[in-house]
Protein backbone atom coordinates (compact mmCIF):
# COMPACT_ATOMS: atom_id res chain seq x y z
CA UNK A 1 0.06 -0.10 -0.12
CA UNK A 2 1.16 3.83 -0.66
CA UNK A 3 1.81 6.18 1.62
CA UNK A 4 -0.85 8.90 0.55
CA UNK A 5 -0.14 11.41 3.42
CA UNK A 6 3.28 11.48 2.95
CA UNK A 7 3.33 14.05 0.69
CA UNK A 8 -0.56 15.53 0.04
CA UNK A 9 -1.84 16.21 3.80
CA UNK A 10 -5.68 15.47 3.88
CA UNK A 11 -6.86 14.84 0.32
CA UNK A 12 -10.70 14.82 0.94
CA UNK A 13 -11.29 14.22 -2.72
CA UNK A 14 -12.83 12.14 -5.92
CA UNK A 15 -13.47 13.36 -9.32
CA UNK A 16 -15.09 10.57 -11.12
CA UNK A 17 -15.07 11.53 -14.45
CA UNK A 18 -11.45 11.82 -14.54
CA UNK A 19 -10.38 8.38 -12.05
CA UNK A 20 -8.99 5.77 -14.27
CA UNK A 21 -12.06 3.64 -13.48
CA UNK A 22 -14.09 6.28 -15.90
CA UNK A 23 -11.32 5.93 -18.21
CA UNK A 24 -10.88 2.34 -18.04
CA UNK A 25 -14.01 -0.18 -18.13
CA UNK A 26 -11.33 -2.86 -16.69
CA UNK A 27 -10.98 -0.97 -13.66
CA UNK A 28 -12.67 -2.20 -10.90
CA UNK A 29 -13.49 -0.57 -7.39
CA UNK A 30 -12.63 -2.27 -3.80
CA UNK A 31 -14.20 -1.45 -0.98
CA UNK A 32 -14.41 2.08 0.55
CA UNK A 33 -12.47 2.07 3.77
CA UNK A 34 -12.02 4.91 6.72
CA UNK A 35 -8.64 6.66 5.56
CA UNK A 36 -6.38 8.06 8.61
CA UNK A 37 -3.76 10.76 8.15
CA UNK A 38 -0.94 10.88 10.75
CA UNK A 39 0.49 13.76 12.63
CA UNK A 40 3.44 15.58 10.90
CA UNK A 41 6.50 17.61 12.10
CA UNK A 42 9.01 19.58 10.30
CA UNK A 43 11.79 21.24 10.85
CA UNK A 44 12.86 25.00 10.80
CA UNK A 45 13.54 24.92 6.72
CA UNK A 46 12.06 21.87 5.93
CA UNK A 47 9.30 23.36 4.29
CA UNK A 48 8.35 26.58 6.41
CA UNK A 49 11.23 29.12 7.49
CA UNK A 50 9.90 27.81 10.98
CA UNK A 51 9.42 24.38 12.67
CA UNK A 52 6.14 23.05 12.45
CA UNK A 53 3.22 20.65 13.27
CA UNK A 54 0.45 19.46 11.95
CA UNK A 55 -2.12 17.66 13.24
CA UNK A 56 -5.68 15.71 12.41
CA UNK A 57 -8.61 17.10 14.97
CA UNK A 58 -11.16 15.64 12.76
CA UNK A 59 -10.62 12.92 10.12
CA UNK A 60 -13.69 11.83 8.34
CA UNK A 61 -11.90 10.50 5.06
CA UNK A 62 -12.76 7.84 3.18
CA UNK A 63 -10.66 5.54 0.10
CA UNK A 64 -11.75 3.41 -2.84
CA UNK A 65 -8.80 1.83 -3.85
CA UNK A 66 -8.75 0.78 -8.13
CA UNK A 67 -7.66 -2.72 -9.46
CA UNK A 68 -6.83 -3.02 -12.99
CA UNK A 69 -7.93 -6.77 -14.36
CA UNK A 70 -4.43 -8.16 -12.80
CA UNK A 71 -5.82 -7.36 -9.30
CA UNK A 72 -2.96 -4.68 -9.27
CA UNK A 73 -3.69 -1.30 -7.25
CA UNK A 74 -3.64 1.43 -10.43
CA UNK A 75 -5.15 4.21 -8.54
CA UNK A 76 -7.56 5.27 -5.50
CA UNK A 77 -10.05 8.03 -4.99
CA UNK A 78 -10.67 9.64 -1.25
CA UNK A 79 -13.26 11.91 0.08
CA UNK A 80 -14.96 13.01 2.65
CA UNK A 81 -13.71 16.06 5.34
CA UNK A 82 -10.65 16.45 6.92
CA UNK A 83 -9.46 19.06 9.38
CA UNK A 84 -5.38 20.11 9.46
CA UNK A 85 -4.08 22.20 12.34
CA UNK A 86 -1.04 23.45 11.18
CA UNK A 87 1.40 25.23 14.11
CA UNK A 88 4.39 27.59 13.72
CA UNK A 89 5.73 25.65 16.88
CA UNK A 90 8.41 28.16 17.48
CA UNK A 91 5.49 30.64 17.97
CA UNK A 92 2.54 28.59 18.59
CA UNK A 93 0.94 30.35 16.08
CA UNK A 94 -1.54 28.03 14.75
CA UNK A 95 -4.58 27.47 11.98
CA UNK A 96 -6.87 25.24 11.26
CA UNK A 97 -8.32 24.65 7.64
CA UNK A 98 -10.65 22.18 6.36
CA UNK A 99 -10.04 19.80 3.70
CA UNK A 100 -13.02 18.92 1.48
CA UNK A 101 -13.61 18.18 -1.93
CA UNK A 102 -13.27 15.07 -4.59
CA UNK A 103 -9.93 13.77 -5.91
CA UNK A 104 -8.20 10.91 -7.87
CA UNK A 105 -5.12 9.54 -7.37
CA UNK A 106 -3.44 7.20 -10.30
CA UNK A 107 -0.35 5.49 -9.46
CA UNK A 108 2.38 5.37 -12.55
CA UNK A 109 4.18 2.39 -13.60
CA UNK A 110 7.60 4.51 -13.11
CA UNK A 111 6.11 4.82 -9.16
CA UNK A 112 4.91 8.38 -9.12
CA UNK A 113 1.74 9.37 -8.61
CA UNK A 114 -1.04 11.90 -10.20
CA UNK A 115 -3.42 13.51 -8.00
CA UNK A 116 -6.86 15.48 -9.79
CA UNK A 117 -8.49 17.30 -7.27
CA UNK A 118 -12.04 18.96 -6.70
CA UNK A 119 -12.01 20.95 -4.09
CA UNK A 120 -9.26 22.15 -0.80
CA UNK A 121 -6.12 20.15 -0.50
CA UNK A 122 -2.72 20.83 1.44
CA UNK A 123 0.13 20.13 -0.07
CA UNK A 124 3.78 20.61 2.12
CA UNK A 125 6.46 21.77 -0.56
CA UNK A 126 10.25 21.21 0.36
CA UNK A 127 13.15 23.11 -1.56
CA UNK A 128 13.33 20.69 -4.45
CA UNK A 129 9.37 20.93 -5.18
CA UNK A 130 7.82 23.11 -7.20
CA UNK A 131 6.55 25.56 -5.87
CA UNK A 132 9.39 25.26 -3.12
CA UNK A 133 9.60 25.51 0.62
CA UNK A 134 5.66 26.66 1.24
CA UNK A 135 2.20 25.13 2.48
CA UNK A 136 -0.07 25.69 0.45
CA UNK A 137 -3.99 25.01 0.99
CA UNK A 138 -5.07 24.86 -2.35
CA UNK A 139 -8.53 25.42 -3.75
CA UNK A 140 -10.57 24.53 -6.77
CA UNK A 141 -9.06 22.65 -9.48
CA UNK A 142 -5.55 21.52 -9.34
CA UNK A 143 -2.90 18.37 -10.57
CA UNK A 144 -0.56 17.70 -8.70
CA UNK A 145 1.90 14.73 -9.91
CA UNK A 146 4.81 13.08 -7.22
CA UNK A 147 7.50 11.68 -9.08
CA UNK A 148 9.18 8.84 -8.27
CA UNK A 149 11.54 9.82 -6.21
CA UNK A 150 9.18 11.67 -4.08
CA UNK A 151 9.66 15.60 -5.92
CA UNK A 152 6.23 17.47 -5.61
CA UNK A 153 5.58 19.61 -8.49
CA UNK A 154 1.65 21.44 -8.57
CA UNK A 155 1.15 21.44 -12.37
CA UNK A 156 -2.45 23.30 -12.41
CA UNK A 157 -4.68 25.06 -10.17
CA UNK A 158 -7.81 27.42 -10.94
CA UNK A 159 -8.31 28.42 -7.45
CA UNK A 160 -7.23 30.13 -4.89
CA UNK A 161 -3.82 29.49 -3.10
CA UNK A 162 -2.97 30.28 0.39
CA UNK A 163 1.16 29.62 1.69
CA UNK A 164 0.70 29.24 5.79
CA UNK A 165 4.32 29.41 5.64
CA UNK A 166 3.38 33.18 5.01
CA UNK A 167 0.37 33.16 7.23
CA UNK A 168 2.00 31.97 10.09
CA UNK A 169 5.23 33.75 9.55
């Protein structure tokens, strides 16, 4: 099983029309099950210029895995509600953001992931990512690619972006 939350905080998402199952009738859906996010800590400079933690006081997300005709995991859909509490641990300042919407994960044969989002998502971008050193809350339709080496690239977004590194500085 892939670690869905390592790069992306709270994919409360599912865009059925662009999902692997909708694009390929040979893809089957697994059972819908709860998805638990784990708390995260980032050192100063890893994402923002200050140390930070991300916790999840509300977790109401569900995941449905998608399998090809050979039973290979090819993607997933995630939907529901997640509240992320992001804290600047140096100053104690924190904000809560509701991450709710619809989206689809598609797994590439090379180990990459593409995430199509319709809603709100939180993304921790490190120095090697694009954009670099931001913790973004992205609303609207967006596409995120995570390369096999873990590098994150926001490919497109048509909505608002709030950088919590600026909000909590």
